[in-house]
Amino acid sequence: PAPQEEEPTYSGVKRMAVTLEQAQRVGYTLLKGLLRFGFMVANNLVAIPSYILYLIILQPLRLLDSKRFWYIEGVLFKWLLAMVASWGWWAGYTVVEWGDDVKVVSEDEAMMLVNHQATGDVCTLMMCLQDKGTVVRQMMWLMDHIFKYTNFGIVSLLHGDFFIRQGKAHRDQQLVLLKDHLDKHYRSRDRKWIVLFPEGGFLRKRRETSQAFAKKNNLPFLTHVTLPRLGATQVILKSLVAQQENGTPAGGDAMVAESKSKGLQWVIDTTIAYPNAEPIDIQTWILGYRRPTVTHVHYRIFPIKDVPAEPEALTDWLYQRFIEKEDLLSHFYKTGAFPPLQGQAKAISREMTLSNLWLIVIQSLAFLSGVMWYCIFQYFYHCLF
């Protein structure tokens, strides 16, 4: 038989081309990550000190007109969160929204119950709530106490967010502190929305414990979420729901922003889903090394009158919300979409957008503020020395 022609040269060249292409891609990703990290550091170095200094010089206004002071603080806070949102937005990490339209209740008081998979969940909410009217500047966050020690911790402290310690040893004390915090800071700072993650930790950390608890107590076996904890939710409802004369919670039937009811009026069950169940963490959000990704957020709005007040009934109601989240996420991971709402033939999604021009203006104001404060300090330094 005729000798076979060898083709190692062609294969070798092909392998070299693939390897070179991969190396170029890795190099580009590293360079982009370094540039993004440098920009984020510069962003923090000018924006966070500027926020703090603005609040310091506005302290006389806080004494004279507290409402106006917290209005200005809220605007500055929203701009800071917009900067965080811009890091993901410019990396192609966008959001598509499903379910109820929360814009119609953006001027009412509401509590958001969110599933928790990774640090990127907070960034996702910072992004998708930017276009919801006054929500971002008037919202309060409940987050793990470790967040207090991050670069953004001082901002959250000044804004009035609450840092909660996890674990049985701290639980009772933390709930007392939470109630005291709400009584002192929620309405005095004109807050309207409060955001919490009832699972009490990331899915990957709590899933095994939650499944063991469910098996022991004959509860549903969940894989995409964990069973929620009751404590913080109950404290928030007791503290923020206005009681009418007959003792029933205030709240309307229709989801309209013009409602005149006082107190907490809505519970917004919020479910975050990532393609292929691969959540985005804060490192990815900052460095942008993952390819453009669409995160999906599903909302379901409940009038406060439909939320039971008694602990046992509230526990059942809260469990039911997370069982529904499990079903929503199972459907999403199978089909790539959330199921339609009751009465809808087809699920309707809404693409959330941010204005690049607006983000550039905010970033420019931050850096200009940094330059202004630097010049002020230089002036006083030379005057004194």
Protein backbone atom coordinates (compact mmCIF):
# COMPACT_ATOMS: atom_id res chain seq x y z
CA PRO A 1 0.00 0.00 0.00
CA ALA A 2 1.03 3.58 -0.68
CA PRO A 3 2.55 5.33 2.33
CA GLN A 4 0.19 7.60 4.31
CA GLU A 5 0.89 11.31 4.03
CA GLU A 6 1.87 12.83 7.33
CA GLU A 7 0.10 15.98 8.52
CA PRO A 8 1.81 16.80 11.80
CA THR A 9 2.96 20.14 10.43
CA TYR A 10 -0.62 21.27 9.69
CA SER A 11 -1.91 19.97 13.03
CA GLY A 12 0.99 21.54 14.86
CA VAL A 13 0.37 24.92 13.22
CA LYS A 14 -3.31 24.65 14.07
CA ARG A 15 -2.55 23.84 17.69
CA MET A 16 -0.10 26.72 17.86
CA ALA A 17 -2.74 29.08 16.43
CA VAL A 18 -5.30 27.95 19.00
CA THR A 19 -2.77 28.28 21.81
CA LEU A 20 -1.76 31.77 20.63
CA GLU A 21 -5.39 32.81 20.38
CA GLN A 22 -6.05 31.52 23.90
CA ALA A 23 -2.99 33.33 25.22
CA GLN A 24 -4.13 36.57 23.59
CA ARG A 25 -7.60 36.15 25.09
CA VAL A 26 -6.17 35.49 28.56
CA GLY A 27 -3.81 38.45 28.21
CA TYR A 28 -6.64 40.73 27.12
CA THR A 29 -8.81 39.55 30.02
CA LEU A 30 -6.01 40.18 32.53
CA LEU A 31 -5.29 43.63 31.12
CA LYS A 32 -8.96 44.54 31.13
CA GLY A 33 -9.30 43.24 34.69
CA LEU A 34 -6.33 45.30 35.88
CA LEU A 35 -7.65 48.46 34.20
CA ARG A 36 -11.13 47.91 35.65
CA PHE A 37 -9.67 47.26 39.10
CA GLY A 38 -7.60 50.44 38.87
CA PHE A 39 -10.67 52.42 37.85
CA MET A 40 -12.70 50.92 40.71
CA VAL A 41 -10.00 51.81 43.24
CA ALA A 42 -9.82 55.38 41.91
CA ASN A 43 -13.61 55.51 41.97
CA ASN A 44 -13.69 54.52 45.63
CA LEU A 45 -10.85 56.86 46.59
CA VAL A 46 -12.72 59.92 45.30
CA ALA A 47 -16.40 58.99 45.68
CA ILE A 48 -16.53 57.60 49.23
CA PRO A 49 -14.44 60.36 50.90
CA SER A 50 -16.45 62.96 48.96
CA TYR A 51 -19.71 61.46 50.24
CA ILE A 52 -18.39 61.58 53.82
CA LEU A 53 -17.09 65.15 53.51
CA TYR A 54 -20.33 66.41 51.98
CA LEU A 55 -22.25 64.96 54.92
CA ILE A 56 -19.82 66.55 57.39
CA ILE A 57 -20.25 70.06 56.01
CA LEU A 58 -24.03 69.54 55.83
CA GLN A 59 -24.35 68.75 59.55
CA PRO A 60 -25.74 72.26 60.33
CA LEU A 61 -28.51 71.57 57.80
CA ARG A 62 -29.25 68.30 59.60
CA LEU A 63 -29.98 70.31 62.76
CA LEU A 64 -32.04 72.96 60.96
CA ASP A 65 -33.91 70.83 58.42
CA SER A 66 -33.43 67.09 58.94
CA LYS A 67 -35.78 66.11 56.11
CA ARG A 68 -33.82 68.13 53.55
CA PHE A 69 -30.52 66.77 54.88
CA TRP A 70 -31.62 63.15 54.41
CA TYR A 71 -32.99 63.99 50.98
CA ILE A 72 -29.55 65.23 49.88
CA GLU A 73 -27.86 62.25 51.55
CA GLY A 74 -30.22 59.93 49.66
CA VAL A 75 -29.32 61.51 46.32
CA LEU A 76 -25.61 61.10 47.06
CA PHE A 77 -26.22 57.51 48.18
CA LYS A 78 -28.08 56.73 44.95
CA TRP A 79 -25.18 58.13 42.93
CA LEU A 80 -22.72 55.92 44.80
CA LEU A 81 -24.84 52.85 44.08
CA ALA A 82 -25.07 53.93 40.44
CA MET A 83 -21.27 53.90 40.29
CA VAL A 84 -21.25 50.31 41.54
CA ALA A 85 -23.96 49.47 38.97
CA SER A 86 -21.85 51.04 36.21
CA TRP A 87 -18.99 48.60 36.83
CA GLY A 88 -21.26 45.70 35.90
CA TRP A 89 -23.25 47.57 33.25
CA TRP A 90 -20.13 48.48 31.27
CA ALA A 91 -18.93 44.85 31.50
CA GLY A 92 -22.16 43.69 29.85
CA TYR A 93 -23.82 42.36 33.01
CA THR A 94 -27.40 43.42 32.35
CA VAL A 95 -30.76 42.60 33.93
CA VAL A 96 -34.08 41.37 32.55
CA GLU A 97 -37.10 41.72 34.86
CA TRP A 98 -40.17 39.48 35.10
CA GLY A 99 -43.44 39.33 36.99
CA ASP A 100 -45.09 42.33 38.63
CA ASP A 101 -43.93 45.84 37.80
CA VAL A 102 -42.56 47.27 41.06
CA LYS A 103 -42.46 50.81 39.67
CA VAL A 104 -46.15 51.18 40.53
CA VAL A 105 -45.36 50.85 44.25
CA SER A 106 -42.06 52.74 44.23
CA GLU A 107 -43.49 55.62 46.29
CA ASP A 108 -45.06 53.32 48.91
CA GLU A 109 -43.37 51.56 51.79
CA ALA A 110 -42.31 48.03 50.90
CA MET A 111 -40.18 45.15 52.12
CA MET A 112 -38.16 43.10 49.62
CA LEU A 113 -37.53 39.42 50.35
CA VAL A 114 -34.63 38.24 48.18
CA ASN A 115 -32.96 34.86 47.68
CA HIS A 116 -29.21 34.92 48.23
CA GLN A 117 -26.64 33.08 46.08
CA ALA A 118 -23.55 35.30 45.99
CA THR A 119 -22.15 38.76 46.71
CA GLY A 120 -23.23 39.84 43.23
CA ASP A 121 -26.88 39.71 44.32
CA VAL A 122 -26.44 43.06 46.08
CA CYS A 123 -24.81 44.58 42.99
CA THR A 124 -27.66 43.27 40.83
CA LEU A 125 -30.22 44.97 43.08
CA MET A 126 -28.17 48.18 43.09
CA MET A 127 -28.44 48.11 39.30
CA CYS A 128 -32.04 47.08 38.68
CA LEU A 129 -33.50 49.45 41.31
CA GLN A 130 -31.80 52.51 39.82
CA ASP A 131 -34.75 53.26 37.54
CA LYS A 132 -37.42 52.73 40.21
CA GLY A 133 -38.02 56.36 41.17
CA THR A 134 -36.97 57.31 44.70
CA VAL A 135 -36.45 53.72 45.86
CA VAL A 136 -32.63 53.65 45.99
CA ARG A 137 -32.19 56.90 47.90
CA GLN A 138 -34.93 55.96 50.41
CA MET A 139 -34.07 52.33 51.01
CA MET A 140 -32.52 50.56 53.97
CA TRP A 141 -30.46 47.37 53.62
CA LEU A 142 -30.13 44.49 56.07
CA MET A 143 -26.83 42.74 55.45
CA ASP A 144 -24.26 40.53 57.11
CA HIS A 145 -22.10 42.35 59.68
CA ILE A 146 -18.92 41.47 57.78
CA PHE A 147 -19.98 43.99 55.13
CA LYS A 148 -19.37 46.72 57.72
CA TYR A 149 -15.62 46.17 57.30
CA THR A 150 -15.57 46.60 53.51
CA ASN A 151 -14.74 49.83 51.71
CA PHE A 152 -18.47 50.56 51.39
CA GLY A 153 -19.18 49.86 55.06
CA ILE A 154 -18.74 53.47 56.21
CA VAL A 155 -21.25 54.60 53.58
CA SER A 156 -23.82 52.05 54.76
CA LEU A 157 -23.25 53.07 58.38
CA LEU A 158 -23.87 56.75 57.60
CA HIS A 159 -26.87 55.91 55.42
CA GLY A 160 -28.41 53.91 58.28
CA ASP A 161 -28.29 50.33 57.00
CA PHE A 162 -28.35 47.53 59.58
CA PHE A 163 -25.58 44.95 59.94
CA ILE A 164 -26.80 41.68 61.42
CA ARG A 165 -24.64 38.97 62.99
CA GLN A 166 -25.61 35.39 62.11
CA GLY A 167 -25.70 32.42 64.48
CA LYS A 168 -27.80 31.23 67.41
CA ALA A 169 -25.54 32.90 69.96
CA HIS A 170 -26.35 36.36 68.57
CA ARG A 171 -29.89 35.87 67.24
CA ASP A 172 -32.03 37.22 70.11
CA GLN A 173 -29.77 40.18 70.77
CA GLN A 174 -29.61 41.06 67.07
CA LEU A 175 -33.40 41.13 66.78
CA VAL A 176 -33.63 43.53 69.73
CA LEU A 177 -30.98 45.74 68.11
CA LEU A 178 -32.83 45.59 64.79
CA LYS A 179 -36.08 46.77 66.37
CA ASP A 180 -34.27 49.60 68.12
CA HIS A 181 -32.53 50.55 64.86
CA LEU A 182 -35.82 50.67 62.95
CA ASP A 183 -37.50 52.75 65.66
CA LYS A 184 -34.67 55.28 65.62
CA HIS A 185 -33.65 55.50 61.97
CA TYR A 186 -36.28 54.20 59.55
CA ARG A 187 -38.90 56.94 59.52
CA SER A 188 -36.70 59.69 60.93
CA ARG A 189 -34.59 59.35 57.75
CA ASP A 190 -37.66 59.04 55.49
CA ARG A 191 -36.94 55.45 54.46
CA LYS A 192 -39.54 53.64 52.38
CA TRP A 193 -38.09 50.31 51.18
CA ILE A 194 -36.22 47.76 53.24
CA VAL A 195 -34.24 44.90 51.66
CA LEU A 196 -33.37 41.65 53.39
CA PHE A 197 -32.17 38.15 52.55
CA PRO A 198 -34.23 35.84 54.83
CA GLU A 199 -32.12 32.76 54.12
CA GLY A 200 -29.43 34.21 56.38
CA GLY A 201 -26.48 33.41 54.12
CA PHE A 202 -25.38 32.20 50.69
CA LEU A 203 -27.13 29.21 49.15
CA ARG A 204 -23.94 27.14 48.85
CA LYS A 205 -23.21 27.61 52.57
CA ARG A 206 -26.69 27.00 53.95
CA ARG A 207 -28.19 24.41 51.58
CA GLU A 208 -27.00 21.28 53.37
CA THR A 209 -28.09 22.51 56.81
CA SER A 210 -31.44 23.64 55.43
CA GLN A 211 -32.09 20.30 53.75
CA ALA A 212 -31.27 18.44 56.97
CA PHE A 213 -33.69 20.69 58.89
CA ALA A 214 -36.37 20.13 56.24
CA LYS A 215 -35.96 16.35 56.41
CA LYS A 216 -36.17 16.38 60.21
CA ASN A 217 -39.32 18.53 60.21
CA ASN A 218 -41.07 16.97 57.22
CA LEU A 219 -40.68 20.10 55.08
CA PRO A 220 -40.10 20.31 51.30
CA PHE A 221 -36.63 19.42 50.01
CA LEU A 222 -35.24 22.54 48.32
CA THR A 223 -32.17 22.75 46.09
CA HIS A 224 -32.26 26.22 44.50
CA VAL A 225 -33.07 28.10 47.72
CA THR A 226 -32.99 27.35 51.44
CA LEU A 227 -35.70 27.59 54.06
CA PRO A 228 -35.89 31.19 55.32
CA ARG A 229 -35.50 32.39 58.88
CA LEU A 230 -38.37 34.20 60.53
CA GLY A 231 -36.77 36.59 63.05
CA ALA A 232 -35.84 39.69 61.04
CA THR A 233 -39.00 39.53 58.90
CA GLN A 234 -41.20 39.38 61.98
CA VAL A 235 -39.42 42.32 63.65
CA ILE A 236 -39.76 44.43 60.49
CA LEU A 237 -43.46 43.69 60.16
CA LYS A 238 -44.14 44.46 63.83
CA SER A 239 -42.14 47.68 63.69
CA LEU A 240 -43.21 49.09 60.33
CA VAL A 241 -46.78 47.94 59.67
CA ALA A 242 -49.22 50.65 60.76
CA GLN A 243 -52.18 49.35 62.76
CA GLN A 244 -55.66 50.70 62.16
CA GLU A 245 -58.15 51.20 64.96
CA ASN A 246 -59.59 47.70 64.59
CA GLY A 247 -56.08 46.24 64.80
CA THR A 248 -55.85 45.04 61.20
CA PRO A 249 -52.85 46.04 59.09
CA ALA A 250 -53.16 49.05 56.85
CA GLY A 251 -52.80 48.28 53.16
CA GLY A 252 -54.74 48.52 49.92
CA ASP A 253 -56.11 46.03 47.45
CA ALA A 254 -54.80 47.78 44.34
CA MET A 255 -51.10 48.18 43.60
CA VAL A 256 -51.11 51.93 43.10
CA ALA A 257 -48.44 54.40 44.08
CA GLU A 258 -51.03 56.98 45.16
CA SER A 259 -52.12 54.95 48.19
CA LYS A 260 -52.49 57.12 51.27
CA SER A 261 -52.03 54.27 53.77
CA LYS A 262 -49.36 54.79 56.40
CA GLY A 263 -46.74 52.22 57.27
CA LEU A 264 -45.45 49.24 55.33
CA GLN A 265 -47.88 48.49 52.51
CA TRP A 266 -46.31 45.82 50.33
CA VAL A 267 -44.07 42.78 50.45
CA ILE A 268 -42.11 42.26 47.23
CA ASP A 269 -40.99 38.66 46.81
CA THR A 270 -37.86 38.97 44.66
CA THR A 271 -36.17 36.02 42.97
CA ILE A 272 -32.76 36.38 41.30
CA ALA A 273 -31.74 33.80 38.69
CA TYR A 274 -28.44 33.44 36.84
CA PRO A 275 -27.99 31.50 33.58
CA ASN A 276 -26.88 27.91 34.27
CA ALA A 277 -27.24 28.63 38.00
CA GLU A 278 -23.83 30.32 37.96
CA PRO A 279 -24.08 33.40 40.22
CA ILE A 280 -21.93 36.50 39.76
CA ASP A 281 -19.72 37.40 42.69
CA ILE A 282 -18.31 40.82 43.54
CA GLN A 283 -14.89 39.91 42.10
CA THR A 284 -16.44 39.18 38.72
CA TRP A 285 -18.47 42.39 38.93
CA ILE A 286 -15.32 44.42 39.53
CA LEU A 287 -12.87 42.70 37.19
CA GLY A 288 -15.34 41.81 34.43
CA TYR A 289 -13.60 38.58 33.42
CA ARG A 290 -16.86 36.73 32.72
CA ARG A 291 -18.41 37.25 29.32
CA PRO A 292 -21.53 39.49 29.14
CA THR A 293 -24.28 37.90 31.21
CA VAL A 294 -27.98 38.60 31.62
CA THR A 295 -29.27 38.22 35.18
CA HIS A 296 -33.00 37.62 35.56
CA VAL A 297 -35.04 39.12 38.40
CA HIS A 298 -38.63 38.11 39.13
CA TYR A 299 -40.98 40.19 41.30
CA ARG A 300 -44.25 39.26 42.96
CA ILE A 301 -46.06 41.92 45.01
CA PHE A 302 -48.24 41.08 48.03
CA PRO A 303 -50.46 43.60 49.87
CA ILE A 304 -49.49 43.72 53.53
CA LYS A 305 -53.01 42.65 54.52
CA ASP A 306 -52.28 39.25 52.95
CA VAL A 307 -49.25 38.71 55.18
CA PRO A 308 -50.13 37.05 58.52
CA ALA A 309 -48.86 38.59 61.74
CA GLU A 310 -48.85 35.54 64.03
CA PRO A 311 -45.44 33.78 64.15
CA GLU A 312 -46.68 30.32 63.16
CA ALA A 313 -48.83 31.57 60.30
CA LEU A 314 -46.06 33.94 59.18
CA THR A 315 -43.56 31.07 59.18
CA ASP A 316 -45.85 29.02 56.94
CA TRP A 317 -46.40 32.02 54.67
CA LEU A 318 -42.66 32.70 54.40
CA TYR A 319 -41.89 29.03 53.74
CA GLN A 320 -44.49 29.07 50.97
CA ARG A 321 -42.77 32.04 49.31
CA PHE A 322 -39.47 30.13 49.15
CA ILE A 323 -41.17 26.97 47.92
CA GLU A 324 -42.55 29.13 45.11
CA LYS A 325 -39.05 30.49 44.50
CA GLU A 326 -37.84 26.91 44.16
CA ASP A 327 -40.50 26.27 41.50
CA LEU A 328 -39.71 29.53 39.71
CA LEU A 329 -36.00 28.75 39.58
CA SER A 330 -36.59 25.13 38.50
CA HIS A 331 -38.71 26.41 35.63
CA PHE A 332 -36.10 29.03 34.73
CA TYR A 333 -33.19 26.57 34.68
CA LYS A 334 -35.17 24.22 32.44
CA THR A 335 -36.56 26.79 29.99
CA GLY A 336 -34.44 29.94 30.33
CA ALA A 337 -37.50 31.97 31.31
CA PHE A 338 -39.80 32.44 34.27
CA PRO A 339 -43.38 31.11 34.01
CA PRO A 340 -46.22 33.52 33.19
CA LEU A 341 -48.18 35.19 35.96
CA GLN A 342 -51.63 33.91 36.78
CA GLY A 343 -53.99 35.03 34.02
CA GLN A 344 -51.18 35.50 31.48
CA ALA A 345 -50.86 33.24 28.45
CA LYS A 346 -47.18 34.10 28.08
CA ALA A 347 -44.57 35.45 30.46
CA ILE A 348 -43.63 39.05 29.75
CA SER A 349 -40.09 40.26 30.39
CA ARG A 350 -38.78 43.80 30.61
CA GLU A 351 -35.20 44.71 29.78
CA MET A 352 -33.77 47.04 32.40
CA THR A 353 -31.67 49.88 30.97
CA LEU A 354 -29.31 52.51 32.33
CA SER A 355 -28.28 55.73 30.60
CA ASN A 356 -24.58 55.67 29.79
CA LEU A 357 -24.61 59.47 29.63
CA TRP A 358 -26.10 59.65 33.14
CA LEU A 359 -23.49 57.21 34.48
CA ILE A 360 -20.68 59.22 32.87
CA VAL A 361 -22.04 62.45 34.40
CA ILE A 362 -22.14 60.85 37.87
CA GLN A 363 -18.64 59.45 37.51
CA SER A 364 -17.40 62.86 36.32
CA LEU A 365 -19.02 64.60 39.30
CA ALA A 366 -17.31 62.13 41.63
CA PHE A 367 -13.86 62.81 40.19
CA LEU A 368 -14.50 66.56 40.09
CA SER A 369 -15.53 66.39 43.76
CA GLY A 370 -12.29 64.58 44.52
CA VAL A 371 -10.29 67.33 42.79
CA MET A 372 -12.27 70.01 44.63
CA TRP A 373 -11.65 68.46 48.06
CA TYR A 374 -7.96 67.99 47.25
CA CYS A 375 -7.65 71.68 46.32
CA ILE A 376 -9.48 72.73 49.49
CA PHE A 377 -7.17 70.65 51.69
CA GLN A 378 -4.11 71.94 49.84
CA TYR A 379 -5.27 75.52 50.38
CA PHE A 380 -5.81 75.07 54.11
CA TYR A 381 -2.54 73.16 54.43
CA HIS A 382 -0.59 76.02 52.87
CA CYS A 383 -2.47 78.58 54.99
CA LEU A 384 -1.63 76.73 58.18
CA PHE A 385 1.94 75.74 57.38
